[in-house]
Amino acid sequence: MKLHSKLDDLEGRSRCNNIKIVGIPEGEEKGRPTEFVTSLIPKLLEQGNLAKQVIVDRAHRVPMPRATSTQRPRSIIARIHFYQEKEMLLRLSRQNQLVYNGARIFIYPDYTADVMTQRRGFRDVMQALREKEVTFILRFPARLQVNYEDQGLLCWRDIKEVSEVTENRSRDAGPGRTNHKSPKMKFLVCLVMLICNALAISDLSGKMFVFPVETDTDHVKITPSQSSLHALTVCHRSFTDLTRSHTMFSMATPSNANAFITLIRRVLNLMSLLWLNGQPLTKKYINQSPINGNLIVVLGQEQDSE
């Protein structure tokens, strides 16, 4: 984890002069992205806002398949020579509505994937704060700073810090005297709830479970957050020495032990498209009924005997 953090920090520092331009139609750069971005910036931000021409070291589209006419165009990553000019471009882009040939254009910092994941966790919270017209800023890498009335600046990195603030204010009010109707206290309590909901959404991306010995009992149990599913996507990779058919994913309800399962070499019930180890295996539509009930998810075993 420490090595991963250091690598992410090094990657972030290598991107500190980058900007990400979103919304430019494909092909507008005509094979010369650096020259295109150099001439684009004064057009977007109006020459009067720039004291001198911004130096662009290099630019390119994000490395992914070219978008079709019906898809969102790929973003352009551009490295600005001077950090201060990069910050100026970001500030001006927030203050002005940028348009290119009738299309709305956005300019963002070029964060690493890990930082973007952390910042997305506060998306619902920030939307709620905007609706309530509460002044806030999300500082790097993902630190929510709120300016609320006479409270000054309130800053949190995670939900624990918000909870501690709320608990301290409750204790300061004295036993039985906590006033949840107070605007200040109500704001903090609502913020705790918003952040809890925003940070509770997670998945098992990048995680690995190892079953070192073949048994009929070893398994991993997952607790779903929903009790009714109308659509379901399961993504997993597996490596094994087993030569027989075996279960990798099993979802059961109190009335159905095999509501949804995946088997190596075989697929049962409610599967429209199966991908295994990144490769599509089969495409089949079997059942259009939703899965309802107290869902039980197990990895590594079937649930017929449970």
C-alpha atoms as a PDB file:
ATOM      1  CA  MET A   1       0.000   0.000   0.000  1.00  0.00           C
ATOM      2  CA  LYS A   2       2.851   2.380   0.851  1.00  0.00           C
ATOM      3  CA  LEU A   3       4.568   1.629  -2.480  1.00  0.00           C
ATOM      4  CA  HIS A   4       1.264   2.134  -4.323  1.00  0.00           C
ATOM      5  CA  SER A   5       0.794   5.525  -2.639  1.00  0.00           C
ATOM      6  CA  LYS A   6       4.303   6.605  -3.608  1.00  0.00           C
ATOM      7  CA  LEU A   7       3.790   5.537  -7.227  1.00  0.00           C
ATOM      8  CA  ASP A   8       0.464   7.361  -7.364  1.00  0.00           C
ATOM      9  CA  ASP A   9       2.135  10.463  -5.909  1.00  0.00           C
ATOM     10  CA  LEU A  10       4.905  10.305  -8.535  1.00  0.00           C
ATOM     11  CA  GLU A  11       2.352   9.908 -11.320  1.00  0.00           C
ATOM     12  CA  GLY A  12       0.350  12.826  -9.949  1.00  0.00           C
ATOM     13  CA  ARG A  13       3.442  15.054  -9.862  1.00  0.00           C
ATOM     14  CA  SER A  14       4.234  14.163 -13.482  1.00  0.00           C
ATOM     15  CA  ARG A  15       0.716  15.371 -14.399  1.00  0.00           C
ATOM     16  CA  CYS A  16       0.767  18.593 -12.373  1.00  0.00           C
ATOM     17  CA  ASN A  17       1.183  20.790 -15.494  1.00  0.00           C
ATOM     18  CA  ASN A  18      -1.466  18.903 -17.513  1.00  0.00           C
ATOM     19  CA  ILE A  19      -4.977  19.983 -18.399  1.00  0.00           C
ATOM     20  CA  LYS A  20      -7.762  17.810 -19.784  1.00  0.00           C
ATOM     21  CA  ILE A  21      -9.918  19.411 -22.500  1.00  0.00           C
ATOM     22  CA  VAL A  22     -13.328  17.753 -22.888  1.00  0.00           C
ATOM     23  CA  GLY A  23     -15.774  18.203 -25.749  1.00  0.00           C
ATOM     24  CA  ILE A  24     -13.578  18.884 -28.802  1.00  0.00           C
ATOM     25  CA  PRO A  25     -14.973  16.850 -31.751  1.00  0.00           C
ATOM     26  CA  GLU A  26     -12.771  14.116 -33.164  1.00  0.00           C
ATOM     27  CA  GLY A  27     -10.428  15.096 -35.986  1.00  0.00           C
ATOM     28  CA  GLU A  28     -10.446  18.842 -35.306  1.00  0.00           C
ATOM     29  CA  GLU A  29      -6.714  18.764 -34.556  1.00  0.00           C
ATOM     30  CA  LYS A  30      -5.974  17.295 -38.040  1.00  0.00           C
ATOM     31  CA  GLY A  31      -3.035  15.266 -36.786  1.00  0.00           C
ATOM     32  CA  ARG A  32      -1.303  18.216 -35.101  1.00  0.00           C
ATOM     33  CA  PRO A  33      -2.743  18.302 -31.546  1.00  0.00           C
ATOM     34  CA  THR A  34      -0.038  20.497 -29.993  1.00  0.00           C
ATOM     35  CA  GLU A  35      -0.432  23.269 -32.562  1.00  0.00           C
ATOM     36  CA  PHE A  36      -4.208  22.913 -32.370  1.00  0.00           C
ATOM     37  CA  VAL A  37      -4.337  23.356 -28.578  1.00  0.00           C
ATOM     38  CA  THR A  38      -1.939  26.309 -28.776  1.00  0.00           C
ATOM     39  CA  SER A  39      -4.316  28.122 -31.130  1.00  0.00           C
ATOM     40  CA  LEU A  40      -7.446  26.837 -29.345  1.00  0.00           C
ATOM     41  CA  ILE A  41      -6.721  28.325 -25.911  1.00  0.00           C
ATOM     42  CA  PRO A  42      -6.942  32.023 -26.982  1.00  0.00           C
ATOM     43  CA  LYS A  43     -10.181  31.289 -28.861  1.00  0.00           C
ATOM     44  CA  LEU A  44     -11.806  29.630 -25.869  1.00  0.00           C
ATOM     45  CA  LEU A  45     -10.683  32.113 -23.222  1.00  0.00           C
ATOM     46  CA  GLU A  46     -10.637  35.259 -25.402  1.00  0.00           C
ATOM     47  CA  GLN A  47      -7.305  36.907 -26.125  1.00  0.00           C
ATOM     48  CA  GLY A  48      -8.032  39.784 -23.741  1.00  0.00           C
ATOM     49  CA  ASN A  49      -7.909  37.426 -20.738  1.00  0.00           C
ATOM     50  CA  LEU A  50      -4.385  36.274 -21.591  1.00  0.00           C
ATOM     51  CA  ALA A  51      -1.377  38.507 -21.031  1.00  0.00           C
ATOM     52  CA  LYS A  52       0.691  36.449 -23.480  1.00  0.00           C
ATOM     53  CA  GLN A  53       0.455  33.302 -25.541  1.00  0.00           C
ATOM     54  CA  VAL A  54       0.342  30.126 -23.472  1.00  0.00           C
ATOM     55  CA  ILE A  55       3.178  27.686 -24.251  1.00  0.00           C
ATOM     56  CA  VAL A  56       1.947  24.130 -24.840  1.00  0.00           C
ATOM     57  CA  ASP A  57       4.730  21.533 -24.650  1.00  0.00           C
ATOM     58  CA  ARG A  58       2.693  18.680 -26.152  1.00  0.00           C
ATOM     59  CA  ALA A  59      -0.856  17.431 -26.510  1.00  0.00           C
ATOM     60  CA  HIS A  60      -2.625  14.209 -27.488  1.00  0.00           C
ATOM     61  CA  ARG A  61      -5.984  12.461 -27.362  1.00  0.00           C
ATOM     62  CA  VAL A  62      -6.444   9.942 -24.548  1.00  0.00           C
ATOM     63  CA  PRO A  63      -5.164   6.516 -25.689  1.00  0.00           C
ATOM     64  CA  MET A  64      -8.385   4.696 -26.467  1.00  0.00           C
ATOM     65  CA  PRO A  65     -10.307   3.753 -29.665  1.00  0.00           C
ATOM     66  CA  ARG A  66     -11.454   6.738 -31.695  1.00  0.00           C
ATOM     67  CA  ALA A  67     -15.031   7.773 -30.895  1.00  0.00           C
ATOM     68  CA  THR A  68     -17.734   7.417 -33.537  1.00  0.00           C
ATOM     69  CA  SER A  69     -20.138  10.194 -34.509  1.00  0.00           C
ATOM     70  CA  THR A  70     -22.641   9.006 -31.877  1.00  0.00           C
ATOM     71  CA  GLN A  71     -20.113   8.692 -29.039  1.00  0.00           C
ATOM     72  CA  ARG A  72     -18.582  11.289 -26.787  1.00  0.00           C
ATOM     73  CA  PRO A  73     -15.270  12.511 -28.290  1.00  0.00           C
ATOM     74  CA  ARG A  74     -12.063  11.540 -26.552  1.00  0.00           C
ATOM     75  CA  SER A  75     -10.541  14.106 -24.230  1.00  0.00           C
ATOM     76  CA  ILE A  76      -7.351  15.963 -25.149  1.00  0.00           C
ATOM     77  CA  ILE A  77      -4.499  15.943 -22.627  1.00  0.00           C
ATOM     78  CA  ALA A  78      -2.184  18.953 -22.942  1.00  0.00           C
ATOM     79  CA  ARG A  79       0.948  19.773 -20.967  1.00  0.00           C
ATOM     80  CA  ILE A  80       1.325  23.495 -20.246  1.00  0.00           C
ATOM     81  CA  HIS A  81       4.937  24.682 -19.952  1.00  0.00           C
ATOM     82  CA  PHE A  82       4.423  26.855 -16.871  1.00  0.00           C
ATOM     83  CA  TYR A  83       2.465  25.664 -13.828  1.00  0.00           C
ATOM     84  CA  GLN A  84       1.168  29.183 -13.088  1.00  0.00           C
ATOM     85  CA  GLU A  85      -0.309  29.401 -16.586  1.00  0.00           C
ATOM     86  CA  LYS A  86      -1.985  26.037 -16.136  1.00  0.00           C
ATOM     87  CA  GLU A  87      -3.613  27.270 -12.924  1.00  0.00           C
ATOM     88  CA  MET A  88      -4.682  30.460 -14.703  1.00  0.00           C
ATOM     89  CA  LEU A  89      -6.355  28.429 -17.480  1.00  0.00           C
ATOM     90  CA  LEU A  90      -8.274  26.357 -14.936  1.00  0.00           C
ATOM     91  CA  ARG A  91      -9.410  29.498 -13.096  1.00  0.00           C
ATOM     92  CA  LEU A  92     -10.562  31.236 -16.283  1.00  0.00           C
ATOM     93  CA  SER A  93     -12.379  28.097 -17.454  1.00  0.00           C
ATOM     94  CA  ARG A  94     -14.393  28.093 -14.222  1.00  0.00           C
ATOM     95  CA  GLN A  95     -15.269  31.771 -14.601  1.00  0.00           C
ATOM     96  CA  ASN A  96     -16.307  31.611 -18.278  1.00  0.00           C
ATOM     97  CA  GLN A  97     -18.495  29.401 -20.425  1.00  0.00           C
ATOM     98  CA  LEU A  98     -16.253  27.876 -23.087  1.00  0.00           C
ATOM     99  CA  VAL A  99     -17.701  27.157 -26.546  1.00  0.00           C
ATOM    100  CA  TYR A 100     -16.065  25.767 -29.697  1.00  0.00           C
ATOM    101  CA  ASN A 101     -18.088  25.642 -32.933  1.00  0.00           C
ATOM    102  CA  GLY A 102     -21.305  25.602 -30.899  1.00  0.00           C
ATOM    103  CA  ALA A 103     -20.168  22.783 -28.577  1.00  0.00           C
ATOM    104  CA  ARG A 104     -19.671  23.308 -24.837  1.00  0.00           C
ATOM    105  CA  ILE A 105     -16.045  22.744 -23.801  1.00  0.00           C
ATOM    106  CA  PHE A 106     -14.693  21.979 -20.330  1.00  0.00           C
ATOM    107  CA  ILE A 107     -11.140  22.171 -18.976  1.00  0.00           C
ATOM    108  CA  TYR A 108     -10.182  20.056 -15.946  1.00  0.00           C
ATOM    109  CA  PRO A 109      -7.001  19.104 -14.081  1.00  0.00           C
ATOM    110  CA  ASP A 110      -5.447  15.807 -15.186  1.00  0.00           C
ATOM    111  CA  TYR A 111      -5.657  13.733 -11.994  1.00  0.00           C
ATOM    112  CA  THR A 112      -4.577  10.111 -11.567  1.00  0.00           C
ATOM    113  CA  ALA A 113      -7.184   7.334 -11.533  1.00  0.00           C
ATOM    114  CA  ASP A 114      -6.923   6.892  -7.739  1.00  0.00           C
ATOM    115  CA  VAL A 115      -7.418  10.591  -7.057  1.00  0.00           C
ATOM    116  CA  MET A 116     -10.388  10.713  -9.435  1.00  0.00           C
ATOM    117  CA  THR A 117     -11.980   7.778  -7.594  1.00  0.00           C
ATOM    118  CA  GLN A 118     -11.568   9.562  -4.246  1.00  0.00           C
ATOM    119  CA  ARG A 119     -13.000  12.810  -5.591  1.00  0.00           C
ATOM    120  CA  ARG A 120     -15.993  11.074  -7.215  1.00  0.00           C
ATOM    121  CA  GLY A 121     -16.924   9.813  -3.749  1.00  0.00           C
ATOM    122  CA  PHE A 122     -17.927  13.382  -2.821  1.00  0.00           C
ATOM    123  CA  ARG A 123     -19.988  13.991  -5.981  1.00  0.00           C
ATOM    124  CA  ASP A 124     -23.409  13.548  -4.333  1.00  0.00           C
ATOM    125  CA  VAL A 125     -22.319  15.592  -1.321  1.00  0.00           C
ATOM    126  CA  MET A 126     -21.142  18.487  -3.488  1.00  0.00           C
ATOM    127  CA  GLN A 127     -24.363  18.409  -5.512  1.00  0.00           C
ATOM    128  CA  ALA A 128     -26.399  18.684  -2.311  1.00  0.00           C
ATOM    129  CA  LEU A 129     -24.227  21.553  -1.074  1.00  0.00           C
ATOM    130  CA  ARG A 130     -24.714  23.414  -4.387  1.00  0.00           C
ATOM    131  CA  GLU A 131     -28.478  23.013  -4.105  1.00  0.00           C
ATOM    132  CA  LYS A 132     -28.336  24.448  -0.573  1.00  0.00           C
ATOM    133  CA  GLU A 133     -26.046  27.256  -1.820  1.00  0.00           C
ATOM    134  CA  VAL A 134     -23.362  26.310   0.696  1.00  0.00           C
ATOM    135  CA  THR A 135     -19.871  27.520  -0.187  1.00  0.00           C
ATOM    136  CA  PHE A 136     -17.346  24.675  -0.451  1.00  0.00           C
ATOM    137  CA  ILE A 137     -14.208  23.595  -2.251  1.00  0.00           C
ATOM    138  CA  LEU A 138     -12.774  20.118  -2.858  1.00  0.00           C
ATOM    139  CA  ARG A 139      -9.059  20.453  -2.273  1.00  0.00           C
ATOM    140  CA  PHE A 140      -6.403  18.092  -3.558  1.00  0.00           C
ATOM    141  CA  PRO A 141      -6.446  15.143  -3.437  1.00  0.00           C
ATOM    142  CA  ALA A 142      -9.936  14.717  -1.917  1.00  0.00           C
ATOM    143  CA  ARG A 143     -10.533  16.993   1.068  1.00  0.00           C
ATOM    144  CA  LEU A 144     -13.909  18.647   1.445  1.00  0.00           C
ATOM    145  CA  GLN A 145     -13.735  22.198   2.785  1.00  0.00           C
ATOM    146  CA  VAL A 146     -17.021  23.900   3.701  1.00  0.00           C
ATOM    147  CA  ASN A 147     -17.590  27.539   4.660  1.00  0.00           C
ATOM    148  CA  TYR A 148     -20.816  27.662   6.666  1.00  0.00           C
ATOM    149  CA  GLU A 149     -22.108  30.887   8.223  1.00  0.00           C
ATOM    150  CA  ASP A 150     -20.079  31.918  11.292  1.00  0.00           C
ATOM    151  CA  GLN A 151     -18.487  28.484  11.633  1.00  0.00           C
ATOM    152  CA  GLY A 152     -15.612  29.490   9.371  1.00  0.00           C
ATOM    153  CA  LEU A 153     -13.894  26.802   7.347  1.00  0.00           C
ATOM    154  CA  LEU A 154     -14.833  23.203   8.142  1.00  0.00           C
ATOM    155  CA  CYS A 155     -12.553  20.638   6.506  1.00  0.00           C
ATOM    156  CA  TRP A 156     -12.833  16.842   6.340  1.00  0.00           C
ATOM    157  CA  ARG A 157     -10.882  14.090   4.675  1.00  0.00           C
ATOM    158  CA  ASP A 158     -13.346  11.316   5.531  1.00  0.00           C
ATOM    159  CA  ILE A 159     -16.572  10.521   7.362  1.00  0.00           C
ATOM    160  CA  LYS A 160     -14.828   9.855  10.707  1.00  0.00           C
ATOM    161  CA  GLU A 161     -13.765  13.469  11.003  1.00  0.00           C
ATOM    162  CA  VAL A 162     -17.309  14.680  10.302  1.00  0.00           C
ATOM    163  CA  SER A 163     -18.712  12.260  12.888  1.00  0.00           C
ATOM    164  CA  GLU A 164     -16.246  13.476  15.523  1.00  0.00           C
ATOM    165  CA  VAL A 165     -17.241  17.109  14.915  1.00  0.00           C
ATOM    166  CA  THR A 166     -20.927  16.213  15.280  1.00  0.00           C
ATOM    167  CA  GLU A 167     -20.326  14.207  18.468  1.00  0.00           C
ATOM    168  CA  ASN A 168     -18.252  16.997  20.019  1.00  0.00           C
ATOM    169  CA  ARG A 169     -20.986  19.548  19.356  1.00  0.00           C
ATOM    170  CA  SER A 170     -23.543  17.188  20.868  1.00  0.00           C
ATOM    171  CA  ARG A 171     -21.428  16.831  24.040  1.00  0.00           C
ATOM    172  CA  ASP A 172     -20.895  20.603  24.233  1.00  0.00           C
ATOM    173  CA  ALA A 173     -24.666  21.051  24.342  1.00  0.00           C
ATOM    174  CA  GLY A 174     -24.805  18.938  27.523  1.00  0.00           C
ATOM    175  CA  PRO A 175     -26.844  15.821  28.435  1.00  0.00           C
ATOM    176  CA  GLY A 176     -30.336  15.956  26.988  1.00  0.00           C
ATOM    177  CA  ARG A 177     -29.739  19.407  25.524  1.00  0.00           C
ATOM    178  CA  THR A 178     -28.638  18.520  21.967  1.00  0.00           C
ATOM    179  CA  ASN A 179     -30.642  20.758  19.670  1.00  0.00           C
ATOM    180  CA  HIS A 180     -30.895  18.984  16.325  1.00  0.00           C
ATOM    181  CA  LYS A 181     -33.209  21.773  15.173  1.00  0.00           C
ATOM    182  CA  SER A 182     -30.353  24.256  15.366  1.00  0.00           C
ATOM    183  CA  PRO A 183     -29.376  25.299  11.822  1.00  0.00           C
ATOM    184  CA  LYS A 184     -25.704  24.662  12.543  1.00  0.00           C
ATOM    185  CA  MET A 185     -26.298  21.246  14.087  1.00  0.00           C
ATOM    186  CA  LYS A 186     -28.830  20.323  11.434  1.00  0.00           C
ATOM    187  CA  PHE A 187     -26.319  21.196   8.735  1.00  0.00           C
ATOM    188  CA  LEU A 188     -23.612  19.002  10.288  1.00  0.00           C
ATOM    189  CA  VAL A 189     -25.973  16.063  10.780  1.00  0.00           C
ATOM    190  CA  CYS A 190     -27.192  16.312   7.176  1.00  0.00           C
ATOM    191  CA  LEU A 191     -23.618  16.520   5.951  1.00  0.00           C
ATOM    192  CA  VAL A 192     -22.744  13.349   7.879  1.00  0.00           C
ATOM    193  CA  MET A 193     -25.642  11.534   6.229  1.00  0.00           C
ATOM    194  CA  LEU A 194     -24.720  12.798   2.759  1.00  0.00           C
ATOM    195  CA  ILE A 195     -21.076  11.792   3.098  1.00  0.00           C
ATOM    196  CA  CYS A 196     -22.026   8.384   4.532  1.00  0.00           C
ATOM    197  CA  ASN A 197     -24.197   7.702   1.497  1.00  0.00           C
ATOM    198  CA  ALA A 198     -21.554   8.959  -0.926  1.00  0.00           C
ATOM    199  CA  LEU A 199     -18.689   6.967   0.560  1.00  0.00           C
ATOM    200  CA  ALA A 200     -20.686   3.800   1.115  1.00  0.00           C
ATOM    201  CA  ILE A 201     -20.728   3.006  -2.615  1.00  0.00           C
ATOM    202  CA  SER A 202     -17.809   0.672  -3.312  1.00  0.00           C
ATOM    203  CA  ASP A 203     -16.950  -2.486  -5.209  1.00  0.00           C
ATOM    204  CA  LEU A 204     -14.347  -5.234  -5.253  1.00  0.00           C
ATOM    205  CA  SER A 205     -12.378  -3.896  -8.219  1.00  0.00           C
ATOM    206  CA  GLY A 206      -8.739  -4.928  -7.954  1.00  0.00           C
ATOM    207  CA  LYS A 207      -9.422  -7.334  -5.047  1.00  0.00           C
ATOM    208  CA  MET A 208      -8.442 -11.020  -5.090  1.00  0.00           C
ATOM    209  CA  PHE A 209      -9.618 -14.026  -3.059  1.00  0.00           C
ATOM    210  CA  VAL A 210      -7.424 -17.127  -2.887  1.00  0.00           C
ATOM    211  CA  PHE A 211      -8.725 -20.638  -2.138  1.00  0.00           C
ATOM    212  CA  PRO A 212      -5.464 -22.576  -1.544  1.00  0.00           C
ATOM    213  CA  VAL A 213      -7.107 -25.990  -1.033  1.00  0.00           C
ATOM    214  CA  GLU A 214     -10.000 -27.710  -2.850  1.00  0.00           C
ATOM    215  CA  THR A 215     -12.866 -28.112  -0.358  1.00  0.00           C
ATOM    216  CA  ASP A 216     -16.662 -28.257  -0.293  1.00  0.00           C
ATOM    217  CA  THR A 217     -16.952 -25.556   2.359  1.00  0.00           C
ATOM    218  CA  ASP A 218     -14.476 -22.708   1.813  1.00  0.00           C
ATOM    219  CA  HIS A 219     -16.237 -19.636   0.404  1.00  0.00           C
ATOM    220  CA  VAL A 220     -16.536 -15.853   0.581  1.00  0.00           C
ATOM    221  CA  LYS A 221     -19.891 -14.355   1.562  1.00  0.00           C
ATOM    222  CA  ILE A 222     -20.935 -10.926   0.281  1.00  0.00           C
ATOM    223  CA  THR A 223     -23.822  -8.875   1.695  1.00  0.00           C
ATOM    224  CA  PRO A 224     -25.710  -7.025  -1.085  1.00  0.00           C
ATOM    225  CA  SER A 225     -27.142  -3.585  -0.394  1.00  0.00           C
ATOM    226  CA  GLN A 226     -30.365  -4.344  -2.329  1.00  0.00           C
ATOM    227  CA  SER A 227     -33.122  -6.910  -1.936  1.00  0.00           C
ATOM    228  CA  SER A 228     -34.473  -6.766  -5.513  1.00  0.00           C
ATOM    229  CA  LEU A 229     -32.523  -6.861  -8.762  1.00  0.00           C
ATOM    230  CA  HIS A 230     -33.918  -6.154 -12.237  1.00  0.00           C
ATOM    231  CA  ALA A 231     -30.455  -6.053 -13.834  1.00  0.00           C
ATOM    232  CA  LEU A 232     -27.207  -7.637 -12.738  1.00  0.00           C
ATOM    233  CA  THR A 233     -23.597  -7.410 -13.930  1.00  0.00           C
ATOM    234  CA  VAL A 234     -20.862  -9.691 -12.579  1.00  0.00           C
ATOM    235  CA  CYS A 235     -17.230  -9.104 -13.586  1.00  0.00           C
ATOM    236  CA  HIS A 236     -14.539 -11.488 -12.381  1.00  0.00           C
ATOM    237  CA  ARG A 237     -11.330 -13.217 -13.439  1.00  0.00           C
ATOM    238  CA  SER A 238     -10.327 -16.653 -12.207  1.00  0.00           C
ATOM    239  CA  PHE A 239      -7.294 -18.929 -12.361  1.00  0.00           C
ATOM    240  CA  THR A 240      -7.474 -22.529 -11.151  1.00  0.00           C
ATOM    241  CA  ASP A 241      -5.893 -25.991 -11.404  1.00  0.00           C
ATOM    242  CA  LEU A 242      -9.314 -27.676 -11.282  1.00  0.00           C
ATOM    243  CA  THR A 243     -10.297 -29.677 -14.355  1.00  0.00           C
ATOM    244  CA  ARG A 244     -13.909 -30.234 -13.324  1.00  0.00           C
ATOM    245  CA  SER A 245     -16.801 -27.788 -13.604  1.00  0.00           C
ATOM    246  CA  HIS A 246     -17.013 -25.508 -10.599  1.00  0.00           C
ATOM    247  CA  THR A 247     -18.968 -22.500  -9.363  1.00  0.00           C
ATOM    248  CA  MET A 248     -17.378 -19.058  -9.161  1.00  0.00           C
ATOM    249  CA  PHE A 249     -20.381 -16.895  -8.284  1.00  0.00           C
ATOM    250  CA  SER A 250     -23.607 -17.921  -6.594  1.00  0.00           C
ATOM    251  CA  MET A 251     -26.592 -15.759  -5.679  1.00  0.00           C
ATOM    252  CA  ALA A 252     -29.459 -17.327  -3.742  1.00  0.00           C
ATOM    253  CA  THR A 253     -32.751 -16.253  -2.194  1.00  0.00           C
ATOM    254  CA  PRO A 254     -34.745 -18.013   0.539  1.00  0.00           C
ATOM    255  CA  SER A 255     -36.903 -19.644  -2.164  1.00  0.00           C
ATOM    256  CA  ASN A 256     -34.230 -20.351  -4.798  1.00  0.00           C
ATOM    257  CA  ALA A 257     -30.749 -21.732  -4.089  1.00  0.00           C
ATOM    258  CA  ASN A 258     -29.656 -21.031  -7.681  1.00  0.00           C
ATOM    259  CA  ALA A 259     -31.257 -17.679  -8.465  1.00  0.00           C
ATOM    260  CA  PHE A 260     -28.102 -16.683 -10.363  1.00  0.00           C
ATOM    261  CA  ILE A 261     -24.893 -18.681 -10.676  1.00  0.00           C
ATOM    262  CA  THR A 262     -21.891 -18.837 -12.975  1.00  0.00           C
ATOM    263  CA  LEU A 263     -20.119 -22.101 -13.685  1.00  0.00           C
ATOM    264  CA  ILE A 264     -16.885 -22.599 -15.515  1.00  0.00           C
ATOM    265  CA  ARG A 265     -17.905 -24.263 -18.838  1.00  0.00           C
ATOM    266  CA  ARG A 266     -21.594 -23.837 -18.062  1.00  0.00           C
ATOM    267  CA  VAL A 267     -24.099 -21.019 -17.463  1.00  0.00           C
ATOM    268  CA  LEU A 268     -27.396 -21.278 -15.591  1.00  0.00           C
ATOM    269  CA  ASN A 269     -30.362 -18.911 -15.247  1.00  0.00           C
ATOM    270  CA  LEU A 270     -30.724 -15.238 -16.027  1.00  0.00           C
ATOM    271  CA  MET A 271     -27.516 -14.781 -17.997  1.00  0.00           C
ATOM    272  CA  SER A 272     -27.630 -12.611 -21.111  1.00  0.00           C
ATOM    273  CA  LEU A 273     -23.872 -12.270 -21.730  1.00  0.00           C
ATOM    274  CA  LEU A 274     -21.031 -14.071 -19.980  1.00  0.00           C
ATOM    275  CA  TRP A 275     -17.460 -12.771 -20.028  1.00  0.00           C
ATOM    276  CA  LEU A 276     -14.696 -14.845 -18.454  1.00  0.00           C
ATOM    277  CA  ASN A 277     -11.142 -13.554 -18.048  1.00  0.00           C
ATOM    278  CA  GLY A 278     -11.939 -10.663 -20.353  1.00  0.00           C
ATOM    279  CA  GLN A 279     -13.333 -12.813 -23.174  1.00  0.00           C
ATOM    280  CA  PRO A 280     -17.010 -13.172 -24.228  1.00  0.00           C
ATOM    281  CA  LEU A 281     -18.153 -16.796 -23.926  1.00  0.00           C
ATOM    282  CA  THR A 282     -21.847 -16.937 -24.688  1.00  0.00           C
ATOM    283  CA  LYS A 283     -24.864 -14.742 -25.329  1.00  0.00           C
ATOM    284  CA  LYS A 284     -28.254 -16.050 -24.253  1.00  0.00           C
ATOM    285  CA  TYR A 285     -31.494 -14.600 -22.879  1.00  0.00           C
ATOM    286  CA  ILE A 286     -33.286 -16.952 -20.522  1.00  0.00           C
ATOM    287  CA  ASN A 287     -35.530 -15.238 -17.988  1.00  0.00           C
ATOM    288  CA  GLN A 288     -37.018 -11.738 -17.689  1.00  0.00           C
ATOM    289  CA  SER A 289     -38.251 -12.036 -14.088  1.00  0.00           C
ATOM    290  CA  PRO A 290     -36.481  -9.974 -11.405  1.00  0.00           C
ATOM    291  CA  ILE A 291     -34.646 -11.588  -8.500  1.00  0.00           C
ATOM    292  CA  ASN A 292     -36.485 -10.732  -5.282  1.00  0.00           C
ATOM    293  CA  GLY A 293     -35.931 -11.644  -1.652  1.00  0.00           C
ATOM    294  CA  ASN A 294     -33.169 -11.635   0.949  1.00  0.00           C
ATOM    295  CA  LEU A 295     -30.162 -11.954  -1.392  1.00  0.00           C
ATOM    296  CA  ILE A 296     -27.224 -14.152  -0.366  1.00  0.00           C
ATOM    297  CA  VAL A 297     -24.058 -13.968  -2.476  1.00  0.00           C
ATOM    298  CA  VAL A 298     -21.260 -16.521  -2.149  1.00  0.00           C
ATOM    299  CA  LEU A 299     -17.995 -16.826  -4.075  1.00  0.00           C
ATOM    300  CA  GLY A 300     -16.349 -20.207  -4.567  1.00  0.00           C
ATOM    301  CA  GLN A 301     -19.259 -22.559  -3.731  1.00  0.00           C
ATOM    302  CA  GLU A 302     -22.828 -23.370  -4.721  1.00  0.00           C
ATOM    303  CA  GLN A 303     -25.536 -22.749  -2.129  1.00  0.00           C
ATOM    304  CA  ASP A 304     -27.779 -25.776  -2.637  1.00  0.00           C
ATOM    305  CA  SER A 305     -26.764 -27.139   0.752  1.00  0.00           C
ATOM    306  CA  GLU A 306     -27.144 -23.870   2.668  1.00  0.00           C
END
